[in-house]
N, C-alpha and C. Protein backbone atom coordinates (compact mmCIF):
# COMPACT_ATOMS: atom_id res chain seq x y z
N UNK A 1 23.15 -18.83 -14.40
CA UNK A 1 22.43 -17.60 -14.55
C UNK A 1 21.25 -17.87 -14.65
N UNK A 2 20.25 -16.88 -13.80
CA UNK A 2 18.88 -17.16 -13.79
C UNK A 2 18.03 -16.00 -14.49
N UNK A 3 17.12 -16.24 -15.34
CA UNK A 3 16.53 -14.74 -15.81
C UNK A 3 15.00 -15.49 -15.12
N UNK A 4 14.47 -14.22 -14.68
CA UNK A 4 13.28 -14.39 -13.87
C UNK A 4 12.22 -13.40 -14.77
N UNK A 5 10.91 -13.67 -14.81
CA UNK A 5 9.95 -12.65 -15.68
C UNK A 5 8.74 -12.55 -14.60
N UNK A 6 8.15 -12.12 -14.30
CA UNK A 6 7.02 -11.47 -13.78
C UNK A 6 5.92 -11.28 -14.51
N UNK A 7 4.80 -11.82 -14.04
CA UNK A 7 3.44 -11.74 -14.54
C UNK A 7 2.66 -11.91 -13.93
N UNK A 8 0.90 -11.57 -14.22
CA UNK A 8 -0.39 -11.49 -13.54
C UNK A 8 -0.58 -9.94 -13.21
N UNK A 9 -0.14 -9.14 -13.25
CA UNK A 9 -0.09 -7.29 -12.71
C UNK A 9 -1.63 -7.15 -13.83
N UNK A 10 -1.76 -6.26 -13.28
CA UNK A 10 -3.22 -5.35 -14.04
C UNK A 10 -3.94 -4.48 -12.97
N UNK A 11 -5.43 -4.38 -13.32
CA UNK A 11 -5.99 -3.15 -12.44
C UNK A 11 -7.03 -3.95 -11.91
N UNK A 12 -7.53 -3.70 -10.62
CA UNK A 12 -7.88 -4.45 -9.67
C UNK A 12 -9.04 -3.48 -8.93
N UNK A 13 -9.95 -3.72 -8.33
CA UNK A 13 -10.65 -2.61 -7.31
C UNK A 13 -10.08 -2.79 -5.95
N UNK A 14 -10.25 -1.73 -4.96
CA UNK A 14 -9.76 -2.50 -3.41
C UNK A 14 -10.47 -3.28 -2.88
N UNK A 15 -9.62 -4.21 -2.41
CA UNK A 15 -10.49 -5.46 -1.65
C UNK A 15 -10.28 -6.20 -2.67
N UNK A 16 -10.13 -6.51 -3.88
CA UNK A 16 -10.21 -7.76 -4.86
C UNK A 16 -8.67 -8.42 -4.44
N UNK A 17 -8.29 -9.13 -5.17
CA UNK A 17 -7.44 -10.20 -5.42
C UNK A 17 -6.61 -10.06 -6.52
N UNK A 18 -5.49 -10.35 -6.66
CA UNK A 18 -4.14 -10.45 -7.43
C UNK A 18 -3.48 -11.78 -7.43
N UNK A 19 -3.07 -12.12 -8.41
CA UNK A 19 -2.03 -13.30 -8.19
C UNK A 19 -0.93 -13.15 -9.33
N UNK A 20 0.15 -12.58 -8.77
CA UNK A 20 1.56 -12.53 -9.26
C UNK A 20 2.28 -13.56 -9.45
N UNK A 21 3.04 -13.95 -10.51
CA UNK A 21 3.85 -14.76 -10.98
C UNK A 21 5.41 -14.23 -11.11
N UNK A 22 6.28 -15.55 -10.99
CA UNK A 22 7.64 -14.82 -11.05
C UNK A 22 8.05 -16.45 -11.66
N UNK A 23 8.78 -16.52 -12.92
CA UNK A 23 8.89 -17.96 -13.31
C UNK A 23 10.48 -17.52 -13.94
N UNK A 24 10.96 -18.63 -13.63
CA UNK A 24 12.53 -18.63 -13.99
C UNK A 24 12.50 -19.59 -15.34
N UNK A 25 13.83 -19.51 -15.53
CA UNK A 25 14.83 -20.09 -16.63
C UNK A 25 15.48 -20.12 -16.81
N UNK A 26 16.61 -20.91 -17.15
CA UNK A 26 17.68 -20.95 -16.93
C UNK A 26 18.43 -21.76 -16.01
N UNK A 27 17.71 -21.89 -14.86
CA UNK A 27 18.12 -22.84 -13.36
C UNK A 27 16.80 -22.98 -13.04
N UNK A 28 17.01 -23.98 -12.14
CA UNK A 28 15.52 -24.38 -11.44
C UNK A 28 15.92 -24.12 -10.18
N UNK A 29 14.61 -23.24 -9.81
CA UNK A 29 14.21 -21.74 -8.69
C UNK A 29 14.19 -22.78 -7.09
N UNK A 30 14.38 -24.06 -6.75
CA UNK A 30 14.19 -24.79 -6.19
C UNK A 30 15.24 -24.42 -5.02
N UNK A 31 16.41 -24.19 -5.17
CA UNK A 31 17.39 -23.75 -4.29
C UNK A 31 17.50 -22.45 -4.06
N UNK A 32 16.40 -21.90 -4.56
CA UNK A 32 16.78 -20.10 -4.43
C UNK A 32 15.76 -19.30 -3.39
N UNK A 33 16.57 -18.43 -2.88
CA UNK A 33 14.92 -17.54 -2.38
C UNK A 33 14.94 -16.74 -2.88
N UNK A 34 13.70 -16.76 -3.20
CA UNK A 34 13.15 -15.26 -3.86
C UNK A 34 12.28 -14.11 -2.86
N UNK A 35 12.52 -13.27 -3.36
CA UNK A 35 12.08 -12.03 -2.70
C UNK A 35 10.94 -11.50 -3.50
N UNK A 36 9.97 -10.16 -2.81
CA UNK A 36 9.00 -9.69 -3.66
C UNK A 36 9.60 -8.23 -3.51
N UNK A 37 9.82 -6.90 -4.05
CA UNK A 37 9.96 -5.58 -3.81
C UNK A 37 8.80 -4.98 -4.62
N UNK A 38 8.12 -3.90 -4.11
CA UNK A 38 7.68 -2.80 -5.36
C UNK A 38 8.10 -1.65 -5.24
N UNK A 39 7.95 -1.02 -6.39
CA UNK A 39 8.26 0.51 -6.24
C UNK A 39 7.13 1.22 -6.75
N UNK A 40 6.46 2.04 -5.61
CA UNK A 40 5.26 2.75 -6.19
C UNK A 40 5.62 4.09 -6.74
N UNK A 41 5.01 5.21 -7.52
CA UNK A 41 5.23 5.95 -8.14
C UNK A 41 5.99 7.36 -7.20
N UNK A 42 7.00 7.68 -7.66
CA UNK A 42 7.61 8.78 -6.63
C UNK A 42 8.57 8.37 -4.96
N UNK A 43 8.08 6.47 -5.29
CA UNK A 43 8.58 6.53 -4.04
C UNK A 43 9.87 5.10 -4.28
N UNK A 44 10.63 5.14 -2.82
CA UNK A 44 11.77 4.25 -3.05
C UNK A 44 11.38 2.31 -3.22
N UNK A 45 12.08 1.77 -3.54
CA UNK A 45 11.61 0.50 -3.62
C UNK A 45 11.88 -0.17 -2.47
N UNK A 46 10.56 -1.24 -1.83
CA UNK A 46 10.81 -1.85 -0.61
C UNK A 46 10.20 -3.24 -1.11
N UNK A 47 10.84 -3.88 0.29
CA UNK A 47 10.82 -5.11 0.56
C UNK A 47 9.03 -5.31 0.72
N UNK A 48 8.61 -6.58 0.14
CA UNK A 48 7.68 -6.76 0.46
C UNK A 48 7.16 -8.59 1.14
N UNK A 49 7.57 -9.50 0.75
CA UNK A 49 7.72 -10.69 0.78
C UNK A 49 8.64 -11.93 0.50
N UNK A 50 8.94 -12.78 1.25
CA UNK A 50 10.11 -13.17 0.78
C UNK A 50 10.17 -14.74 1.08
N UNK A 51 10.59 -15.71 0.42
CA UNK A 51 10.40 -16.99 0.39
C UNK A 51 12.07 -17.65 0.43
N UNK A 52 12.40 -18.32 1.78
CA UNK A 52 13.65 -18.71 1.52
C UNK A 52 13.56 -20.43 0.43
N UNK A 53 14.59 -20.62 0.14
CA UNK A 53 14.87 -21.95 -0.44
C UNK A 53 14.45 -23.14 -0.54
N UNK A 54 14.10 -23.30 0.93
CA UNK A 54 13.52 -24.58 1.18
C UNK A 54 11.93 -24.09 1.09
N UNK A 55 11.43 -23.27 0.67
CA UNK A 55 10.07 -23.58 0.54
C UNK A 55 9.27 -23.45 1.93
N UNK A 56 9.86 -23.08 2.68
CA UNK A 56 9.37 -22.75 4.31
C UNK A 56 9.80 -21.86 4.53
N UNK A 57 10.25 -21.45 4.88
CA UNK A 57 10.81 -19.61 5.84
C UNK A 57 10.06 -18.93 5.08
N UNK A 58 9.33 -17.82 5.47
CA UNK A 58 8.79 -16.93 4.65
C UNK A 58 8.90 -15.74 5.68
N UNK A 59 8.82 -14.01 5.20
CA UNK A 59 8.76 -13.19 5.76
C UNK A 59 8.08 -12.28 5.06
N UNK A 60 6.80 -11.36 5.82
CA UNK A 60 5.83 -10.26 5.18
C UNK A 60 6.95 -9.19 5.94
N UNK A 61 6.26 -7.91 4.81
CA UNK A 61 6.62 -6.81 5.61
C UNK A 61 4.97 -6.39 6.28
N UNK A 62 5.13 -5.76 7.19
CA UNK A 62 4.23 -5.44 8.59
C UNK A 62 2.92 -5.10 7.69
N UNK A 63 2.90 -4.16 6.62
CA UNK A 63 1.51 -3.64 5.65
C UNK A 63 0.87 -4.88 4.82
N UNK A 64 1.34 -5.64 4.59
CA UNK A 64 1.04 -6.91 3.73
C UNK A 64 0.22 -7.92 4.55
N UNK A 65 1.05 -8.51 5.66
CA UNK A 65 0.63 -9.64 6.46
C UNK A 65 -0.75 -9.81 6.65
N UNK A 66 -1.32 -11.05 6.51
CA UNK A 66 -2.52 -11.17 6.85
C UNK A 66 -3.21 -11.33 5.80
N UNK A 67 -2.47 -10.67 4.49
CA UNK A 67 -2.89 -10.26 3.31
C UNK A 67 -2.31 -10.62 2.14
N UNK A 68 -0.93 -10.94 1.77
CA UNK A 68 -0.10 -11.28 0.90
C UNK A 68 -0.05 -12.77 1.27
N UNK A 69 0.36 -13.97 0.13
CA UNK A 69 1.42 -15.21 0.81
C UNK A 69 1.98 -15.42 -0.39
N UNK A 70 3.49 -15.24 -0.14
CA UNK A 70 4.12 -16.03 -1.28
C UNK A 70 4.09 -17.55 -1.30
N UNK A 71 4.68 -17.87 -2.41
CA UNK A 71 4.45 -19.48 -2.45
C UNK A 71 5.27 -20.11 -3.72
N UNK A 72 5.96 -21.21 -3.53
CA UNK A 72 6.40 -21.66 -4.71
C UNK A 72 6.13 -23.13 -5.40
N UNK A 73 5.99 -23.03 -6.99
CA UNK A 73 5.41 -24.82 -7.66
C UNK A 73 6.69 -25.04 -8.29
N UNK A 74 7.36 -26.00 -7.66
CA UNK A 74 8.67 -26.24 -8.11
C UNK A 74 8.20 -26.50 -9.66
N UNK A 75 7.26 -27.62 -9.69
CA UNK A 75 7.27 -28.13 -11.11
C UNK A 75 7.08 -27.15 -12.14
N UNK A 76 6.70 -26.13 -11.71
CA UNK A 76 6.54 -24.93 -13.01
C UNK A 76 7.66 -23.73 -12.62
N UNK A 77 8.45 -24.14 -11.92
CA UNK A 77 9.37 -23.11 -11.44
C UNK A 77 9.14 -22.06 -11.68
N UNK A 78 8.26 -21.80 -10.39
CA UNK A 78 7.70 -20.58 -10.62
C UNK A 78 7.51 -20.26 -8.98
N UNK A 79 7.37 -19.15 -8.63
CA UNK A 79 6.89 -18.50 -7.27
C UNK A 79 5.67 -17.77 -7.52
N UNK A 80 4.92 -17.79 -6.56
CA UNK A 80 4.13 -16.85 -6.60
C UNK A 80 3.61 -15.84 -5.24
N UNK A 81 2.90 -14.47 -5.71
CA UNK A 81 2.44 -14.10 -4.71
C UNK A 81 1.00 -13.99 -4.94
N UNK A 82 0.14 -14.11 -4.17
CA UNK A 82 -0.98 -14.01 -3.97
C UNK A 82 -1.27 -12.52 -2.90
N UNK A 83 -2.09 -12.11 -3.55
CA UNK A 83 -2.46 -10.56 -2.99
C UNK A 83 -3.70 -10.65 -2.57
N UNK A 84 -4.24 -10.47 -1.36
CA UNK A 84 -5.89 -10.68 -1.36
C UNK A 84 -6.10 -8.93 -0.44
N UNK A 85 -7.63 -8.66 -0.80
CA UNK A 85 -7.54 -7.22 0.17
C UNK A 85 -6.68 -6.39 0.12
N UNK A 86 -7.13 -6.54 -1.44
CA UNK A 86 -5.83 -4.92 -2.17
C UNK A 86 -6.29 -3.59 -1.86
N UNK A 87 -5.39 -2.58 -1.41
CA UNK A 87 -5.74 -1.72 -1.12
C UNK A 87 -4.78 -0.54 -1.90
N UNK A 88 -5.44 0.80 -2.32
CA UNK A 88 -4.76 1.76 -3.20
C UNK A 88 -3.41 1.60 -3.47
N UNK A 89 -3.12 1.74 -1.61
CA UNK A 89 -1.40 1.89 -1.79
C UNK A 89 -0.62 0.77 -1.84
N UNK A 90 -1.25 -0.07 -2.10
CA UNK A 90 -0.30 -1.52 -3.03
C UNK A 90 -0.03 -1.31 -4.22
N UNK A 91 -0.64 -0.07 -4.75
CA UNK A 91 -0.12 0.68 -6.48
C UNK A 91 1.20 0.11 -6.44
N UNK A 92 1.96 -0.25 -7.49
CA UNK A 92 3.18 -0.06 -7.55
C UNK A 92 3.42 -0.93 -8.34
N UNK A 93 4.62 -1.17 -8.86
CA UNK A 93 5.63 -2.20 -9.97
C UNK A 93 6.01 -3.34 -8.75
N UNK A 94 5.42 -4.64 -9.01
CA UNK A 94 5.92 -5.37 -8.44
C UNK A 94 7.28 -6.17 -9.11
N UNK A 95 8.05 -6.37 -8.59
CA UNK A 95 9.58 -7.30 -9.07
C UNK A 95 9.96 -8.71 -7.99
N UNK A 96 10.31 -9.33 -8.61
CA UNK A 96 10.71 -10.68 -7.99
C UNK A 96 12.00 -10.65 -8.37
N UNK A 97 12.98 -11.20 -6.84
CA UNK A 97 14.68 -11.09 -7.08
C UNK A 97 14.69 -12.73 -6.64
N UNK A 98 15.62 -13.16 -6.93
CA UNK A 98 16.29 -14.36 -6.15
C UNK A 98 17.94 -14.28 -5.89
N UNK A 99 18.00 -15.32 -5.07
CA UNK A 99 19.68 -15.70 -4.52
C UNK A 99 19.69 -16.77 -4.28
N UNK A 100 20.39 -17.53 -4.54
CA UNK A 100 20.93 -19.20 -4.13
C UNK A 100 20.92 -18.94 -2.22
N UNK A 101 20.54 -19.80 -1.85
CA UNK A 101 20.27 -20.03 -0.52
C UNK A 101 19.03 -20.84 0.07
N UNK A 102 18.65 -21.98 0.87
CA UNK A 102 18.06 -22.49 1.55
C UNK A 102 17.37 -22.20 2.22
N UNK A 103 17.71 -21.13 3.54
CA UNK A 103 17.13 -20.82 5.01
C UNK A 103 17.22 -19.50 4.97
N UNK A 104 17.44 -18.82 4.32
CA UNK A 104 17.58 -16.85 4.32
C UNK A 104 16.25 -16.64 3.87
N UNK A 105 15.73 -15.21 3.89
CA UNK A 105 14.62 -14.83 3.42
C UNK A 105 15.45 -13.28 3.38
N UNK A 106 15.70 -12.79 2.07
CA UNK A 106 17.10 -11.84 1.97
C UNK A 106 15.73 -10.62 1.75
N UNK A 107 15.99 -9.53 2.75
CA UNK A 107 14.77 -8.42 2.46
C UNK A 107 16.04 -6.92 1.87
N UNK A 108 16.82 -7.20 1.78
CA UNK A 108 17.46 -6.25 1.06
C UNK A 108 17.77 -6.52 -0.07
N UNK A 109 17.37 -5.60 -1.31
CA UNK A 109 17.61 -5.39 -2.69
C UNK A 109 18.97 -5.70 -2.54
N UNK A 110 19.47 -5.23 -1.93
CA UNK A 110 21.39 -5.24 -2.43
C UNK A 110 21.51 -6.90 -1.93
N UNK A 111 20.92 -7.39 -1.54
CA UNK A 111 21.11 -9.14 -1.28
C UNK A 111 21.24 -10.04 -2.33
N UNK A 112 20.02 -9.51 -2.96
CA UNK A 112 19.69 -10.47 -4.12
C UNK A 112 20.51 -10.19 -5.00
N UNK A 113 20.33 -11.48 -6.17
CA UNK A 113 21.57 -11.33 -7.67
C UNK A 113 20.73 -11.19 -8.50
N UNK A 114 19.57 -11.79 -8.64
CA UNK A 114 18.67 -11.49 -9.87
C UNK A 114 17.46 -10.89 -10.07
N UNK A 115 16.81 -10.35 -10.86
CA UNK A 115 15.47 -9.55 -10.91
C UNK A 115 14.97 -9.93 -12.46
N UNK A 116 13.70 -9.81 -11.79
CA UNK A 116 13.26 -9.66 -13.09
C UNK A 116 12.85 -7.92 -13.40
N UNK A 117 11.94 -8.06 -14.23
CA UNK A 117 11.63 -6.50 -14.97
C UNK A 117 10.47 -5.76 -14.30
N UNK A 118 9.57 -6.78 -13.66
CA UNK A 118 8.38 -6.22 -13.07
C UNK A 118 7.21 -6.24 -13.75
N UNK A 119 6.36 -6.53 -12.95
CA UNK A 119 4.86 -6.15 -13.04
C UNK A 119 4.21 -5.09 -12.85
N UNK A 120 2.94 -4.49 -13.22
CA UNK A 120 2.45 -2.93 -12.79
C UNK A 120 1.05 -4.06 -12.43
N UNK A 121 0.67 -3.04 -10.89
CA UNK A 121 -0.40 -3.79 -9.74
C UNK A 121 -1.19 -2.35 -9.68
N UNK A 122 -2.24 -2.03 -10.23
CA UNK A 122 -2.69 -1.01 -9.97
C UNK A 122 -4.13 -1.36 -9.27
N UNK A 123 -4.39 -0.51 -7.90
CA UNK A 123 -5.62 -0.88 -7.32
C UNK A 123 -6.60 0.23 -6.83
N UNK A 124 -7.36 0.25 -7.68
CA UNK A 124 -8.28 1.48 -7.68
C UNK A 124 -9.46 1.59 -6.40
N UNK A 125 -9.59 2.88 -6.27
CA UNK A 125 -10.18 2.55 -5.06
C UNK A 125 -11.63 2.69 -5.33
């Protein structure tokens, strides 16, 4: 069983940066693919970025390419989502989700096994 906990959300002005963390307990994340999803008010949850278990394969949705980066720190058993050049439309609750697997980036929420409770990111204009 893997327990995930997000942190690092907050209020930031448009154009600013924020790093959210996904810390794991119970198991090491080193063999798990971790994906980031977000849900804005009144909208469906959507895939944002993902990292395969091998730590090398990544995938980003078009709206965040070039602005967001996800990476892992195995020593901290944590995966990060670095968000730069933030826009008001990035405002959402951000969730991390994990599934055991070395090579695949999971872009569908139904393909993931473990979820955190989310952290709110608010970008003001």
